[in-house]
Amino acid sequence: MALDQLSALLACAILAGLAIFQAALAAGAPLGRMAWGGGHTVLPKKLRVASAASVALYALFAYTALAKADLAPPLINDTVTSVSAWVLTAYFALGIVMNGISRSKPERLIMTPTVLVLTALYLTISLH
């Protein structure tokens, strides 16, 4: 298995975990201190909707990784897939900063390393 394919599969595993976490938040689980700035234990309705939308976005992010690693058909075409992978690399890199400056200690401790790993994985995927 090629490095980009392994990276894509690892990214999908992490994104699946994040999707489960966001689905739990959307369902009202008292885990809000680890997300969305950590200002709530149970998220208010607007943030619960955002968490539900995150699940769909994570699925698209995962598909992009698989497509870029030739484990799924490309998004529209190869150029769109490549650009999307780079955009996600930048998005996760920004996430390192945003989670790192969160007022929520649990969010900083859990989500910052998570997006750091996702950044490295998407960088590997994007470069291949």
C-alpha atoms as a PDB file:
ATOM      1  CA  MET A   1       0.000   0.000   0.000  1.00  0.00           C
ATOM      2  CA  ALA A   2       1.342   3.419  -0.957  1.00  0.00           C
ATOM      3  CA  LEU A   3       1.989   6.128   1.632  1.00  0.00           C
ATOM      4  CA  ASP A   4      -0.758   8.372   0.256  1.00  0.00           C
ATOM      5  CA  GLN A   5      -3.268   5.518   0.439  1.00  0.00           C
ATOM      6  CA  LEU A   6      -2.317   4.693   4.027  1.00  0.00           C
ATOM      7  CA  SER A   7      -2.561   8.396   4.890  1.00  0.00           C
ATOM      8  CA  ALA A   8      -6.007   8.591   3.298  1.00  0.00           C
ATOM      9  CA  LEU A   9      -7.255   5.587   5.251  1.00  0.00           C
ATOM     10  CA  LEU A  10      -5.873   6.983   8.529  1.00  0.00           C
ATOM     11  CA  ALA A  11      -7.463  10.369   7.786  1.00  0.00           C
ATOM     12  CA  CYS A  12     -10.792   8.623   7.136  1.00  0.00           C
ATOM     13  CA  ALA A  13     -10.550   6.811  10.468  1.00  0.00           C
ATOM     14  CA  ILE A  14      -9.927  10.066  12.320  1.00  0.00           C
ATOM     15  CA  LEU A  15     -12.706  11.821  10.427  1.00  0.00           C
ATOM     16  CA  ALA A  16     -15.084   8.964  11.248  1.00  0.00           C
ATOM     17  CA  GLY A  17     -14.274   9.442  14.922  1.00  0.00           C
ATOM     18  CA  LEU A  18     -14.870  13.174  14.611  1.00  0.00           C
ATOM     19  CA  ALA A  19     -18.151  12.530  12.794  1.00  0.00           C
ATOM     20  CA  ILE A  20     -19.327  10.287  15.636  1.00  0.00           C
ATOM     21  CA  PHE A  21     -18.312  12.975  18.134  1.00  0.00           C
ATOM     22  CA  GLN A  22     -20.174  15.680  16.188  1.00  0.00           C
ATOM     23  CA  ALA A  23     -23.245  13.453  15.812  1.00  0.00           C
ATOM     24  CA  ALA A  24     -23.236  12.967  19.579  1.00  0.00           C
ATOM     25  CA  LEU A  25     -23.015  16.730  20.076  1.00  0.00           C
ATOM     26  CA  ALA A  26     -25.888  17.248  17.629  1.00  0.00           C
ATOM     27  CA  ALA A  27     -27.939  14.713  19.588  1.00  0.00           C
ATOM     28  CA  GLY A  28     -27.376  16.654  22.809  1.00  0.00           C
ATOM     29  CA  ALA A  29     -24.519  14.752  24.421  1.00  0.00           C
ATOM     30  CA  PRO A  30     -22.835  16.793  27.199  1.00  0.00           C
ATOM     31  CA  LEU A  31     -19.508  17.022  25.367  1.00  0.00           C
ATOM     32  CA  GLY A  32     -19.677  20.659  24.314  1.00  0.00           C
ATOM     33  CA  ARG A  33     -16.629  21.672  26.361  1.00  0.00           C
ATOM     34  CA  MET A  34     -14.481  19.954  23.719  1.00  0.00           C
ATOM     35  CA  ALA A  35     -15.924  21.782  20.697  1.00  0.00           C
ATOM     36  CA  TRP A  36     -17.071  25.118  19.334  1.00  0.00           C
ATOM     37  CA  GLY A  37     -14.959  27.111  21.780  1.00  0.00           C
ATOM     38  CA  GLY A  38     -16.042  25.060  24.795  1.00  0.00           C
ATOM     39  CA  GLY A  39     -18.616  27.561  26.006  1.00  0.00           C
ATOM     40  CA  HIS A  40     -21.404  25.008  26.519  1.00  0.00           C
ATOM     41  CA  THR A  41     -21.752  21.579  28.055  1.00  0.00           C
ATOM     42  CA  VAL A  42     -24.802  20.753  25.924  1.00  0.00           C
ATOM     43  CA  LEU A  43     -24.777  22.736  22.702  1.00  0.00           C
ATOM     44  CA  PRO A  44     -27.558  25.217  21.910  1.00  0.00           C
ATOM     45  CA  LYS A  45     -29.720  24.507  18.856  1.00  0.00           C
ATOM     46  CA  LYS A  46     -27.631  26.532  16.369  1.00  0.00           C
ATOM     47  CA  LEU A  47     -24.416  24.754  17.319  1.00  0.00           C
ATOM     48  CA  ARG A  48     -26.199  21.389  17.287  1.00  0.00           C
ATOM     49  CA  VAL A  49     -27.230  22.103  13.697  1.00  0.00           C
ATOM     50  CA  ALA A  50     -23.629  23.078  12.906  1.00  0.00           C
ATOM     51  CA  SER A  51     -22.417  19.817  14.448  1.00  0.00           C
ATOM     52  CA  ALA A  52     -24.871  17.875  12.286  1.00  0.00           C
ATOM     53  CA  ALA A  53     -23.599  19.723   9.199  1.00  0.00           C
ATOM     54  CA  SER A  54     -20.043  18.870  10.233  1.00  0.00           C
ATOM     55  CA  VAL A  55     -20.846  15.178   9.869  1.00  0.00           C
ATOM     56  CA  ALA A  56     -21.680  15.701   6.180  1.00  0.00           C
ATOM     57  CA  LEU A  57     -18.575  17.838   5.674  1.00  0.00           C
ATOM     58  CA  TYR A  58     -16.354  15.185   7.262  1.00  0.00           C
ATOM     59  CA  ALA A  59     -17.775  12.657   4.809  1.00  0.00           C
ATOM     60  CA  LEU A  60     -16.833  14.957   1.916  1.00  0.00           C
ATOM     61  CA  PHE A  61     -13.367  15.506   3.424  1.00  0.00           C
ATOM     62  CA  ALA A  62     -12.889  11.744   3.695  1.00  0.00           C
ATOM     63  CA  TYR A  63     -14.035  11.176   0.127  1.00  0.00           C
ATOM     64  CA  THR A  64     -11.567  13.816  -1.059  1.00  0.00           C
ATOM     65  CA  ALA A  65      -8.716  11.969   0.665  1.00  0.00           C
ATOM     66  CA  LEU A  66      -9.782   8.655  -0.861  1.00  0.00           C
ATOM     67  CA  ALA A  67     -10.149  10.194  -4.321  1.00  0.00           C
ATOM     68  CA  LYS A  68      -6.752  11.894  -4.161  1.00  0.00           C
ATOM     69  CA  ALA A  69      -5.155   8.577  -3.154  1.00  0.00           C
ATOM     70  CA  ASP A  70      -6.886   6.799  -6.072  1.00  0.00           C
ATOM     71  CA  LEU A  71      -9.065   4.756  -3.715  1.00  0.00           C
ATOM     72  CA  ALA A  72     -12.271   6.346  -5.068  1.00  0.00           C
ATOM     73  CA  PRO A  73     -13.291   8.150  -8.276  1.00  0.00           C
ATOM     74  CA  PRO A  74     -12.175  11.801  -8.430  1.00  0.00           C
ATOM     75  CA  LEU A  75     -14.336  14.711  -7.389  1.00  0.00           C
ATOM     76  CA  ILE A  76     -15.571  16.129 -10.727  1.00  0.00           C
ATOM     77  CA  ASN A  77     -12.028  15.685 -12.150  1.00  0.00           C
ATOM     78  CA  ASP A  78      -8.430  15.254 -10.982  1.00  0.00           C
ATOM     79  CA  THR A  79      -7.780  19.000 -10.814  1.00  0.00           C
ATOM     80  CA  VAL A  80     -10.744  19.609  -8.504  1.00  0.00           C
ATOM     81  CA  THR A  81      -9.637  16.681  -6.353  1.00  0.00           C
ATOM     82  CA  SER A  82      -6.063  17.987  -6.094  1.00  0.00           C
ATOM     83  CA  VAL A  83      -7.124  21.549  -5.319  1.00  0.00           C
ATOM     84  CA  SER A  84      -9.622  20.283  -2.749  1.00  0.00           C
ATOM     85  CA  ALA A  85      -6.923  18.239  -1.016  1.00  0.00           C
ATOM     86  CA  TRP A  86      -4.679  21.304  -0.767  1.00  0.00           C
ATOM     87  CA  VAL A  87      -7.551  23.457   0.500  1.00  0.00           C
ATOM     88  CA  LEU A  88      -8.250  20.861   3.195  1.00  0.00           C
ATOM     89  CA  THR A  89      -4.568  20.774   4.118  1.00  0.00           C
ATOM     90  CA  ALA A  90      -4.707  24.541   4.660  1.00  0.00           C
ATOM     91  CA  TYR A  91      -8.032  24.253   6.507  1.00  0.00           C
ATOM     92  CA  PHE A  92      -6.620  21.713   8.951  1.00  0.00           C
ATOM     93  CA  ALA A  93      -3.449  23.821   9.382  1.00  0.00           C
ATOM     94  CA  LEU A  94      -5.655  26.771  10.337  1.00  0.00           C
ATOM     95  CA  GLY A  95      -7.467  24.424  12.708  1.00  0.00           C
ATOM     96  CA  ILE A  96      -4.209  23.868  14.588  1.00  0.00           C
ATOM     97  CA  VAL A  97      -4.086  27.573  15.367  1.00  0.00           C
ATOM     98  CA  MET A  98      -7.792  27.966  16.094  1.00  0.00           C
ATOM     99  CA  ASN A  99      -7.958  24.974  18.423  1.00  0.00           C
ATOM    100  CA  GLY A 100      -4.651  25.956  19.992  1.00  0.00           C
ATOM    101  CA  ILE A 101      -6.013  29.345  21.064  1.00  0.00           C
ATOM    102  CA  SER A 102      -9.377  28.043  22.249  1.00  0.00           C
ATOM    103  CA  ARG A 103     -10.451  29.156  25.717  1.00  0.00           C
ATOM    104  CA  SER A 104     -11.442  25.544  26.335  1.00  0.00           C
ATOM    105  CA  LYS A 105      -8.626  23.468  27.795  1.00  0.00           C
ATOM    106  CA  PRO A 106     -10.238  20.145  26.730  1.00  0.00           C
ATOM    107  CA  GLU A 107     -10.593  21.453  23.172  1.00  0.00           C
ATOM    108  CA  ARG A 108      -6.951  22.579  23.119  1.00  0.00           C
ATOM    109  CA  LEU A 109      -5.711  19.264  24.496  1.00  0.00           C
ATOM    110  CA  ILE A 110      -7.806  16.987  22.271  1.00  0.00           C
ATOM    111  CA  MET A 111      -8.574  18.836  19.062  1.00  0.00           C
ATOM    112  CA  THR A 112      -5.233  20.587  18.508  1.00  0.00           C
ATOM    113  CA  PRO A 113      -3.242  17.344  18.164  1.00  0.00           C
ATOM    114  CA  THR A 114      -6.103  15.812  16.174  1.00  0.00           C
ATOM    115  CA  VAL A 115      -5.977  18.526  13.516  1.00  0.00           C
ATOM    116  CA  LEU A 116      -2.179  18.482  13.609  1.00  0.00           C
ATOM    117  CA  VAL A 117      -2.284  14.815  12.574  1.00  0.00           C
ATOM    118  CA  LEU A 118      -4.958  15.541   9.946  1.00  0.00           C
ATOM    119  CA  THR A 119      -2.787  18.339   8.548  1.00  0.00           C
ATOM    120  CA  ALA A 120       0.184  15.987   8.223  1.00  0.00           C
ATOM    121  CA  LEU A 121      -1.963  13.288   6.613  1.00  0.00           C
ATOM    122  CA  TYR A 122      -3.561  15.671   4.099  1.00  0.00           C
ATOM    123  CA  LEU A 123      -0.155  17.185   3.313  1.00  0.00           C
ATOM    124  CA  THR A 124       1.116  13.689   2.533  1.00  0.00           C
ATOM    125  CA  ILE A 125      -1.968  12.997   0.408  1.00  0.00           C
ATOM    126  CA  SER A 126      -1.682  16.339  -1.405  1.00  0.00           C
ATOM    127  CA  LEU A 127       2.006  15.877  -2.229  1.00  0.00           C
ATOM    128  CA  HIS A 128       1.484  12.476  -3.898  1.00  0.00           C
END
